[in-house]
Amino acid sequence: MILILAAHVGETSAEYQSLLIHLATLPGIRVRVHVEQGSEQNLTELYLIGNTKQLDIAQMQALPGVERAVRVSEEYRILGRHRDDQRPTHFEYNGVRLGQDTLHVFAGLCAVDNREHVEIMLRALRDNGQVCTRMGAYKPRTSPYAFQGHGKACLPYVFELAGKYGIRVMAMEITHESHLDEINEALHQTGDATGVMLQIGTRNTQNFELLKIVGRQTKMPVLLKRGFGITLDESLNAAEYLASEGNRNVVFCLRGMKTNMADPHRNFVD
């Protein structure tokens, strides 16, 4: 069950503290707090985890400070759309609204090769009114001999140029938890010149440990690619891994499935 609190109920309010004390008395129930940062106000949600079937939804909705109570199913508890669920289907990141009612083009370089090409690309995006891009610093390849990007060495100039040309959101794939630290360090060095959306590629859609690690940080949203050989249910549960660790700002990316017909039929949509 999810309790969505009224806008005026903050973590320091008496209503909030009283509500937590009451919820702590419910047998077999533990509470997880999630705060959604908005441009004008924050949205606080309390996830009640455990045997919530015993709870009367009308009574829970009548508790002080609660605006709405939503009973959820076992699957997709956080990201799923449930009955009477009026939570927003969009989020804002670094001044860019990402949701079903917006369209952004993430044109860019699959693998960053040099500064000159990055600048040409970002200048073209700026000149055409775009504020989003994709840049590959860490590129997993089928062949171990293929170019796999420059890694952390290119991050400072990629982020610096993004800031220079007004790029607000940059999708960048990561394949290891160390990449998080490298990206954060480079962003700090460049004065947070741009925003980064962490991309989970098709090969890592079921790398559950990586999903957990990425989900535990809430600074950057996540672009989740569809796995090339998994079901819809498995894709949705991959996103739920991210959300269950705390990061609900997930964008789904359609990606074709493998076939046995080789090129040019390598990315069929099922």
C-alpha atoms as a PDB file:
ATOM      1  CA  MET A   1       0.000   0.000   0.000  1.00  0.00           C
ATOM      2  CA  ILE A   2       1.156   3.525  -0.779  1.00  0.00           C
ATOM      3  CA  LEU A   3       0.177   6.536   1.327  1.00  0.00           C
ATOM      4  CA  ILE A   4       0.504   9.780  -0.611  1.00  0.00           C
ATOM      5  CA  LEU A   5       0.817  12.703   1.772  1.00  0.00           C
ATOM      6  CA  ALA A   6      -0.696  16.147   1.365  1.00  0.00           C
ATOM      7  CA  ALA A   7       1.604  18.748  -0.162  1.00  0.00           C
ATOM      8  CA  HIS A   8       1.920  20.705   3.088  1.00  0.00           C
ATOM      9  CA  VAL A   9       3.039  17.670   5.109  1.00  0.00           C
ATOM     10  CA  GLY A  10       6.831  17.730   5.281  1.00  0.00           C
ATOM     11  CA  GLU A  11       9.266  15.554   7.201  1.00  0.00           C
ATOM     12  CA  THR A  12       9.534  18.135   9.984  1.00  0.00           C
ATOM     13  CA  SER A  13       5.797  18.621  10.485  1.00  0.00           C
ATOM     14  CA  ALA A  14       3.909  17.348  13.529  1.00  0.00           C
ATOM     15  CA  GLU A  15       1.437  15.487  11.294  1.00  0.00           C
ATOM     16  CA  TYR A  16       4.260  13.584   9.640  1.00  0.00           C
ATOM     17  CA  GLN A  17       5.874  12.557  12.922  1.00  0.00           C
ATOM     18  CA  SER A  18       2.515  11.535  14.393  1.00  0.00           C
ATOM     19  CA  LEU A  19       1.741   9.461  11.301  1.00  0.00           C
ATOM     20  CA  LEU A  20       5.051   7.589  11.492  1.00  0.00           C
ATOM     21  CA  ILE A  21       4.472   6.817  15.170  1.00  0.00           C
ATOM     22  CA  HIS A  22       1.044   5.382  14.354  1.00  0.00           C
ATOM     23  CA  LEU A  23       2.333   3.297  11.441  1.00  0.00           C
ATOM     24  CA  ALA A  24       5.069   1.860  13.661  1.00  0.00           C
ATOM     25  CA  THR A  25       2.362   0.275  15.824  1.00  0.00           C
ATOM     26  CA  LEU A  26       0.892  -1.732  12.938  1.00  0.00           C
ATOM     27  CA  PRO A  27       1.922  -5.394  13.283  1.00  0.00           C
ATOM     28  CA  GLY A  28       3.946  -6.860  10.423  1.00  0.00           C
ATOM     29  CA  ILE A  29       4.239  -3.538   8.594  1.00  0.00           C
ATOM     30  CA  ARG A  30       7.410  -1.625   7.827  1.00  0.00           C
ATOM     31  CA  VAL A  31       7.561   1.805   6.217  1.00  0.00           C
ATOM     32  CA  ARG A  32       9.787   3.067   3.437  1.00  0.00           C
ATOM     33  CA  VAL A  33       9.777   6.817   2.741  1.00  0.00           C
ATOM     34  CA  HIS A  34      10.120   8.204  -0.772  1.00  0.00           C
ATOM     35  CA  VAL A  35      10.332  11.937  -1.491  1.00  0.00           C
ATOM     36  CA  GLU A  36       9.832  13.099  -5.074  1.00  0.00           C
ATOM     37  CA  GLN A  37      11.613  16.412  -5.670  1.00  0.00           C
ATOM     38  CA  GLY A  38       9.450  18.817  -7.676  1.00  0.00           C
ATOM     39  CA  SER A  39      10.246  22.205  -9.153  1.00  0.00           C
ATOM     40  CA  GLU A  40       7.832  23.969  -6.776  1.00  0.00           C
ATOM     41  CA  GLN A  41       7.078  21.438  -4.030  1.00  0.00           C
ATOM     42  CA  ASN A  42       7.986  17.939  -2.902  1.00  0.00           C
ATOM     43  CA  LEU A  43       5.733  14.886  -2.978  1.00  0.00           C
ATOM     44  CA  THR A  44       6.134  12.489  -0.051  1.00  0.00           C
ATOM     45  CA  GLU A  45       5.013   8.875  -0.332  1.00  0.00           C
ATOM     46  CA  LEU A  46       5.067   6.190   2.344  1.00  0.00           C
ATOM     47  CA  TYR A  47       5.361   2.616   1.118  1.00  0.00           C
ATOM     48  CA  LEU A  48       3.779   0.168   3.563  1.00  0.00           C
ATOM     49  CA  ILE A  49       5.504  -3.180   3.118  1.00  0.00           C
ATOM     50  CA  GLY A  50       4.269  -6.428   4.639  1.00  0.00           C
ATOM     51  CA  ASN A  51       0.821  -7.895   5.228  1.00  0.00           C
ATOM     52  CA  THR A  52      -1.185  -4.891   4.047  1.00  0.00           C
ATOM     53  CA  LYS A  53      -4.312  -6.944   3.259  1.00  0.00           C
ATOM     54  CA  GLN A  54      -5.334  -6.458   6.889  1.00  0.00           C
ATOM     55  CA  LEU A  55      -5.388  -2.673   6.473  1.00  0.00           C
ATOM     56  CA  ASP A  56      -8.629  -0.887   5.631  1.00  0.00           C
ATOM     57  CA  ILE A  57      -7.914   1.555   2.834  1.00  0.00           C
ATOM     58  CA  ALA A  58     -10.602   4.018   3.975  1.00  0.00           C
ATOM     59  CA  GLN A  59      -9.128   4.141   7.479  1.00  0.00           C
ATOM     60  CA  MET A  60      -5.621   4.625   6.115  1.00  0.00           C
ATOM     61  CA  GLN A  61      -6.788   7.446   3.864  1.00  0.00           C
ATOM     62  CA  ALA A  62      -8.455   9.135   6.841  1.00  0.00           C
ATOM     63  CA  LEU A  63      -5.183   9.362   8.788  1.00  0.00           C
ATOM     64  CA  PRO A  64      -3.917  12.923   9.410  1.00  0.00           C
ATOM     65  CA  GLY A  65      -1.709  14.196   6.614  1.00  0.00           C
ATOM     66  CA  VAL A  66      -2.710  11.484   4.124  1.00  0.00           C
ATOM     67  CA  GLU A  67      -4.151  12.777   0.868  1.00  0.00           C
ATOM     68  CA  ARG A  68      -4.683   9.411  -0.787  1.00  0.00           C
ATOM     69  CA  ALA A  69      -4.089   5.712  -0.139  1.00  0.00           C
ATOM     70  CA  VAL A  70      -3.426   3.294  -3.002  1.00  0.00           C
ATOM     71  CA  ARG A  71      -3.566  -0.481  -2.655  1.00  0.00           C
ATOM     72  CA  VAL A  72      -1.039  -2.125  -4.952  1.00  0.00           C
ATOM     73  CA  SER A  73      -0.620  -5.619  -6.320  1.00  0.00           C
ATOM     74  CA  GLU A  74       2.343  -7.874  -5.603  1.00  0.00           C
ATOM     75  CA  GLU A  75       3.902  -7.158  -8.998  1.00  0.00           C
ATOM     76  CA  TYR A  76       5.294  -3.776 -10.015  1.00  0.00           C
ATOM     77  CA  ARG A  77       4.467  -2.311  -6.618  1.00  0.00           C
ATOM     78  CA  ILE A  78       6.214   0.984  -7.174  1.00  0.00           C
ATOM     79  CA  LEU A  79       6.246   1.681 -10.907  1.00  0.00           C
ATOM     80  CA  GLY A  80       2.974  -0.058 -11.749  1.00  0.00           C
ATOM     81  CA  ARG A  81      -0.221   1.904 -12.307  1.00  0.00           C
ATOM     82  CA  HIS A  82      -2.747   0.763  -9.732  1.00  0.00           C
ATOM     83  CA  ARG A  83      -6.434   1.400  -9.137  1.00  0.00           C
ATOM     84  CA  ASP A  84      -7.133   5.009  -8.149  1.00  0.00           C
ATOM     85  CA  ASP A  85      -3.454   5.745  -8.788  1.00  0.00           C
ATOM     86  CA  GLN A  86      -3.094   9.400  -9.769  1.00  0.00           C
ATOM     87  CA  ARG A  87       0.655   9.745  -9.389  1.00  0.00           C
ATOM     88  CA  PRO A  88       2.329  11.719 -12.205  1.00  0.00           C
ATOM     89  CA  THR A  89       3.793   9.813 -15.146  1.00  0.00           C
ATOM     90  CA  HIS A  90       6.581  12.313 -15.701  1.00  0.00           C
ATOM     91  CA  PHE A  91       9.541  13.799 -13.861  1.00  0.00           C
ATOM     92  CA  GLU A  92      11.817  16.793 -14.271  1.00  0.00           C
ATOM     93  CA  TYR A  93      15.583  16.567 -14.373  1.00  0.00           C
ATOM     94  CA  ASN A  94      17.980  19.468 -14.796  1.00  0.00           C
ATOM     95  CA  GLY A  95      15.202  21.662 -16.152  1.00  0.00           C
ATOM     96  CA  VAL A  96      13.926  19.099 -18.667  1.00  0.00           C
ATOM     97  CA  ARG A  97      10.509  17.471 -18.336  1.00  0.00           C
ATOM     98  CA  LEU A  98      10.551  13.787 -19.269  1.00  0.00           C
ATOM     99  CA  GLY A  99       7.215  12.023 -19.630  1.00  0.00           C
ATOM    100  CA  GLN A 100       4.490  10.745 -21.912  1.00  0.00           C
ATOM    101  CA  ASP A 101       3.532  14.268 -22.952  1.00  0.00           C
ATOM    102  CA  THR A 102       7.025  15.341 -24.083  1.00  0.00           C
ATOM    103  CA  LEU A 103       9.377  14.363 -26.907  1.00  0.00           C
ATOM    104  CA  HIS A 104      13.145  14.813 -26.814  1.00  0.00           C
ATOM    105  CA  VAL A 105      15.697  13.716 -29.412  1.00  0.00           C
ATOM    106  CA  PHE A 106      18.820  12.103 -27.952  1.00  0.00           C
ATOM    107  CA  ALA A 107      21.081  12.379 -30.995  1.00  0.00           C
ATOM    108  CA  GLY A 108      24.782  11.957 -30.346  1.00  0.00           C
ATOM    109  CA  LEU A 109      27.834   9.730 -30.603  1.00  0.00           C
ATOM    110  CA  CYS A 110      27.526   5.998 -29.978  1.00  0.00           C
ATOM    111  CA  ALA A 111      31.176   6.005 -28.915  1.00  0.00           C
ATOM    112  CA  VAL A 112      33.131   9.183 -28.166  1.00  0.00           C
ATOM    113  CA  ASP A 113      36.276   9.187 -30.310  1.00  0.00           C
ATOM    114  CA  ASN A 114      37.656  12.719 -29.982  1.00  0.00           C
ATOM    115  CA  ARG A 115      36.891  16.215 -28.734  1.00  0.00           C
ATOM    116  CA  GLU A 116      36.412  17.667 -32.218  1.00  0.00           C
ATOM    117  CA  HIS A 117      33.585  15.291 -33.127  1.00  0.00           C
ATOM    118  CA  VAL A 118      31.890  15.846 -29.777  1.00  0.00           C
ATOM    119  CA  GLU A 119      31.927  19.606 -30.317  1.00  0.00           C
ATOM    120  CA  ILE A 120      30.588  19.302 -33.877  1.00  0.00           C
ATOM    121  CA  MET A 121      27.717  17.135 -32.629  1.00  0.00           C
ATOM    122  CA  LEU A 122      26.796  19.315 -29.667  1.00  0.00           C
ATOM    123  CA  ARG A 123      26.982  22.515 -31.700  1.00  0.00           C
ATOM    124  CA  ALA A 124      24.594  21.007 -34.262  1.00  0.00           C
ATOM    125  CA  LEU A 125      22.171  20.041 -31.502  1.00  0.00           C
ATOM    126  CA  ARG A 126      22.295  23.546 -30.019  1.00  0.00           C
ATOM    127  CA  ASP A 127      21.733  25.114 -33.440  1.00  0.00           C
ATOM    128  CA  ASN A 128      18.636  22.938 -33.908  1.00  0.00           C
ATOM    129  CA  GLY A 129      17.098  23.720 -30.538  1.00  0.00           C
ATOM    130  CA  GLN A 130      17.898  20.404 -28.834  1.00  0.00           C
ATOM    131  CA  VAL A 131      18.921  20.080 -25.180  1.00  0.00           C
ATOM    132  CA  CYS A 132      19.460  16.302 -24.951  1.00  0.00           C
ATOM    133  CA  THR A 133      22.129  13.999 -26.337  1.00  0.00           C
ATOM    134  CA  ARG A 134      23.720  10.571 -25.983  1.00  0.00           C
ATOM    135  CA  MET A 135      27.452  10.064 -25.573  1.00  0.00           C
ATOM    136  CA  GLY A 136      29.202   6.704 -25.223  1.00  0.00           C
ATOM    137  CA  ALA A 137      32.251   6.775 -22.975  1.00  0.00           C
ATOM    138  CA  TYR A 138      31.944   3.128 -21.925  1.00  0.00           C
ATOM    139  CA  LYS A 139      30.864   0.941 -24.848  1.00  0.00           C
ATOM    140  CA  PRO A 140      30.434  -2.816 -24.456  1.00  0.00           C
ATOM    141  CA  ARG A 141      31.114  -4.485 -27.799  1.00  0.00           C
ATOM    142  CA  THR A 142      30.453  -7.941 -29.184  1.00  0.00           C
ATOM    143  CA  SER A 143      34.085  -8.164 -30.294  1.00  0.00           C
ATOM    144  CA  PRO A 144      36.860  -7.604 -27.718  1.00  0.00           C
ATOM    145  CA  TYR A 145      38.907  -5.951 -30.494  1.00  0.00           C
ATOM    146  CA  ALA A 146      36.345  -3.271 -31.357  1.00  0.00           C
ATOM    147  CA  PHE A 147      36.745   0.301 -30.076  1.00  0.00           C
ATOM    148  CA  GLN A 148      35.062   0.508 -26.669  1.00  0.00           C
ATOM    149  CA  GLY A 149      35.314   4.213 -25.946  1.00  0.00           C
ATOM    150  CA  HIS A 150      37.822   6.282 -23.982  1.00  0.00           C
ATOM    151  CA  GLY A 151      36.184   5.740 -20.602  1.00  0.00           C
ATOM    152  CA  LYS A 152      36.759   8.286 -17.867  1.00  0.00           C
ATOM    153  CA  ALA A 153      39.492  10.070 -19.843  1.00  0.00           C
ATOM    154  CA  CYS A 154      36.929  11.744 -22.112  1.00  0.00           C
ATOM    155  CA  LEU A 155      34.376  12.665 -19.450  1.00  0.00           C
ATOM    156  CA  PRO A 156      35.758  16.122 -18.494  1.00  0.00           C
ATOM    157  CA  TYR A 157      35.748  17.507 -22.034  1.00  0.00           C
ATOM    158  CA  VAL A 158      32.443  15.832 -22.919  1.00  0.00           C
ATOM    159  CA  PHE A 159      30.708  17.436 -19.919  1.00  0.00           C
ATOM    160  CA  GLU A 160      32.475  20.775 -20.424  1.00  0.00           C
ATOM    161  CA  LEU A 161      31.329  20.968 -24.057  1.00  0.00           C
ATOM    162  CA  ALA A 162      27.809  19.929 -23.104  1.00  0.00           C
ATOM    163  CA  GLY A 163      27.638  22.906 -20.767  1.00  0.00           C
ATOM    164  CA  LYS A 164      29.085  25.194 -23.429  1.00  0.00           C
ATOM    165  CA  TYR A 165      26.330  24.268 -25.892  1.00  0.00           C
ATOM    166  CA  GLY A 166      23.427  24.217 -23.453  1.00  0.00           C
ATOM    167  CA  ILE A 167      22.904  20.452 -23.284  1.00  0.00           C
ATOM    168  CA  ARG A 168      20.800  19.705 -20.213  1.00  0.00           C
ATOM    169  CA  VAL A 169      20.555  15.889 -20.262  1.00  0.00           C
ATOM    170  CA  MET A 170      23.121  13.416 -21.581  1.00  0.00           C
ATOM    171  CA  ALA A 171      22.353   9.690 -21.764  1.00  0.00           C
ATOM    172  CA  MET A 172      25.477   7.668 -21.011  1.00  0.00           C
ATOM    173  CA  GLU A 173      25.734   3.906 -20.658  1.00  0.00           C
ATOM    174  CA  ILE A 174      27.537   2.430 -17.681  1.00  0.00           C
ATOM    175  CA  THR A 175      28.551  -1.195 -17.236  1.00  0.00           C
ATOM    176  CA  HIS A 176      30.232  -1.173 -13.824  1.00  0.00           C
ATOM    177  CA  GLU A 177      29.635   0.509 -10.485  1.00  0.00           C
ATOM    178  CA  SER A 178      33.011   2.292 -10.719  1.00  0.00           C
ATOM    179  CA  HIS A 179      31.630   4.284 -13.649  1.00  0.00           C
ATOM    180  CA  LEU A 180      29.236   6.019 -11.248  1.00  0.00           C
ATOM    181  CA  ASP A 181      32.119   7.449  -9.241  1.00  0.00           C
ATOM    182  CA  GLU A 182      33.976   8.479 -12.388  1.00  0.00           C
ATOM    183  CA  ILE A 183      30.944  10.302 -13.779  1.00  0.00           C
ATOM    184  CA  ASN A 184      30.230  12.048 -10.478  1.00  0.00           C
ATOM    185  CA  GLU A 185      33.861  13.132 -10.162  1.00  0.00           C
ATOM    186  CA  ALA A 186      33.947  14.534 -13.705  1.00  0.00           C
ATOM    187  CA  LEU A 187      30.653  16.362 -13.175  1.00  0.00           C
ATOM    188  CA  HIS A 188      32.062  17.911 -10.009  1.00  0.00           C
ATOM    189  CA  GLN A 189      35.249  18.960 -11.827  1.00  0.00           C
ATOM    190  CA  THR A 190      33.206  20.726 -14.504  1.00  0.00           C
ATOM    191  CA  GLY A 191      30.850  22.425 -12.057  1.00  0.00           C
ATOM    192  CA  ASP A 192      27.930  20.157 -12.961  1.00  0.00           C
ATOM    193  CA  ALA A 193      27.992  21.564 -16.478  1.00  0.00           C
ATOM    194  CA  THR A 194      25.282  19.162 -17.633  1.00  0.00           C
ATOM    195  CA  GLY A 195      23.010  16.408 -16.345  1.00  0.00           C
ATOM    196  CA  VAL A 196      23.603  12.700 -16.922  1.00  0.00           C
ATOM    197  CA  MET A 197      20.961  10.028 -17.443  1.00  0.00           C
ATOM    198  CA  LEU A 198      22.530   6.670 -16.654  1.00  0.00           C
ATOM    199  CA  GLN A 199      21.857   4.142 -19.392  1.00  0.00           C
ATOM    200  CA  ILE A 200      21.498   0.431 -18.667  1.00  0.00           C
ATOM    201  CA  GLY A 201      22.211  -1.332 -21.949  1.00  0.00           C
ATOM    202  CA  THR A 202      20.513  -4.405 -23.299  1.00  0.00           C
ATOM    203  CA  ARG A 203      23.317  -6.696 -22.104  1.00  0.00           C
ATOM    204  CA  ASN A 204      22.904  -5.506 -18.509  1.00  0.00           C
ATOM    205  CA  THR A 205      19.115  -5.394 -18.244  1.00  0.00           C
ATOM    206  CA  GLN A 206      19.256  -8.474 -16.018  1.00  0.00           C
ATOM    207  CA  ASN A 207      22.488  -7.610 -14.230  1.00  0.00           C
ATOM    208  CA  PHE A 208      20.600  -7.356 -10.957  1.00  0.00           C
ATOM    209  CA  GLU A 209      23.530  -6.190  -8.844  1.00  0.00           C
ATOM    210  CA  LEU A 210      24.188  -3.297 -11.241  1.00  0.00           C
ATOM    211  CA  LEU A 211      20.467  -2.444 -11.224  1.00  0.00           C
ATOM    212  CA  LYS A 212      20.499  -2.302  -7.418  1.00  0.00           C
ATOM    213  CA  ILE A 213      23.592  -0.089  -7.324  1.00  0.00           C
ATOM    214  CA  VAL A 214      22.200   2.330  -9.912  1.00  0.00           C
ATOM    215  CA  GLY A 215      18.844   2.344  -8.126  1.00  0.00           C
ATOM    216  CA  ARG A 216      20.407   3.346  -4.803  1.00  0.00           C
ATOM    217  CA  GLN A 217      21.559   6.677  -6.213  1.00  0.00           C
ATOM    218  CA  THR A 218      18.751   9.127  -6.880  1.00  0.00           C
ATOM    219  CA  LYS A 219      20.749  12.055  -8.256  1.00  0.00           C
ATOM    220  CA  MET A 220      20.575  10.834 -11.869  1.00  0.00           C
ATOM    221  CA  PRO A 221      17.620   9.271 -13.721  1.00  0.00           C
ATOM    222  CA  VAL A 222      17.963   5.978 -15.577  1.00  0.00           C
ATOM    223  CA  LEU A 223      17.402   5.019 -19.212  1.00  0.00           C
ATOM    224  CA  LEU A 224      16.601   1.297 -19.254  1.00  0.00           C
ATOM    225  CA  LYS A 225      16.974  -0.536 -22.545  1.00  0.00           C
ATOM    226  CA  ARG A 226      14.832  -3.554 -23.290  1.00  0.00           C
ATOM    227  CA  GLY A 227      16.831  -6.784 -23.061  1.00  0.00           C
ATOM    228  CA  PHE A 228      17.366  -8.399 -26.450  1.00  0.00           C
ATOM    229  CA  GLY A 229      16.110 -11.819 -25.328  1.00  0.00           C
ATOM    230  CA  ILE A 230      13.763 -11.311 -22.392  1.00  0.00           C
ATOM    231  CA  THR A 231      10.024 -11.059 -21.859  1.00  0.00           C
ATOM    232  CA  LEU A 232       7.963  -7.948 -21.147  1.00  0.00           C
ATOM    233  CA  ASP A 233       7.511  -9.139 -17.566  1.00  0.00           C
ATOM    234  CA  GLU A 234      11.276  -9.435 -17.126  1.00  0.00           C
ATOM    235  CA  SER A 235      11.780  -5.932 -18.542  1.00  0.00           C
ATOM    236  CA  LEU A 236       9.237  -4.434 -16.148  1.00  0.00           C
ATOM    237  CA  ASN A 237      10.806  -6.235 -13.209  1.00  0.00           C
ATOM    238  CA  ALA A 238      14.211  -4.838 -14.179  1.00  0.00           C
ATOM    239  CA  ALA A 239      12.722  -1.355 -13.804  1.00  0.00           C
ATOM    240  CA  GLU A 240      11.139  -2.402 -10.519  1.00  0.00           C
ATOM    241  CA  TYR A 241      14.613  -3.352  -9.245  1.00  0.00           C
ATOM    242  CA  LEU A 242      15.680   0.268  -9.803  1.00  0.00           C
ATOM    243  CA  ALA A 243      12.567   1.684  -8.164  1.00  0.00           C
ATOM    244  CA  SER A 244      12.650  -0.684  -5.190  1.00  0.00           C
ATOM    245  CA  GLU A 245      16.109   0.642  -4.318  1.00  0.00           C
ATOM    246  CA  GLY A 246      14.879   4.247  -4.396  1.00  0.00           C
ATOM    247  CA  ASN A 247      15.190   5.587  -7.959  1.00  0.00           C
ATOM    248  CA  ARG A 248      11.780   5.924  -9.599  1.00  0.00           C
ATOM    249  CA  ASN A 249      12.940   8.191 -12.416  1.00  0.00           C
ATOM    250  CA  VAL A 250      13.132   5.513 -15.097  1.00  0.00           C
ATOM    251  CA  VAL A 251      12.739   5.934 -18.861  1.00  0.00           C
ATOM    252  CA  PHE A 252      12.053   2.807 -20.933  1.00  0.00           C
ATOM    253  CA  CYS A 253      13.934   2.441 -24.216  1.00  0.00           C
ATOM    254  CA  LEU A 254      12.604   0.093 -26.907  1.00  0.00           C
ATOM    255  CA  ARG A 255      15.259  -2.164 -28.390  1.00  0.00           C
ATOM    256  CA  GLY A 256      14.815  -4.899 -30.977  1.00  0.00           C
ATOM    257  CA  MET A 257      15.190  -8.601 -30.232  1.00  0.00           C
ATOM    258  CA  LYS A 258      17.730 -11.002 -31.671  1.00  0.00           C
ATOM    259  CA  THR A 259      16.767 -13.271 -34.563  1.00  0.00           C
ATOM    260  CA  ASN A 260      18.480 -16.167 -36.304  1.00  0.00           C
ATOM    261  CA  MET A 261      18.490 -14.327 -39.619  1.00  0.00           C
ATOM    262  CA  ALA A 262      21.568 -12.146 -38.940  1.00  0.00           C
ATOM    263  CA  ASP A 263      22.039  -8.755 -40.591  1.00  0.00           C
ATOM    264  CA  PRO A 264      20.051  -6.804 -41.653  1.00  0.00           C
ATOM    265  CA  HIS A 265      17.380  -8.478 -39.508  1.00  0.00           C
ATOM    266  CA  ARG A 266      19.182  -8.152 -36.188  1.00  0.00           C
ATOM    267  CA  ASN A 267      16.723  -5.922 -34.317  1.00  0.00           C
ATOM    268  CA  PHE A 268      13.157  -7.070 -34.867  1.00  0.00           C
ATOM    269  CA  VAL A 269      10.425  -5.602 -32.690  1.00  0.00           C
ATOM    270  CA  ASP A 270       8.364  -8.423 -31.202  1.00  0.00           C
END
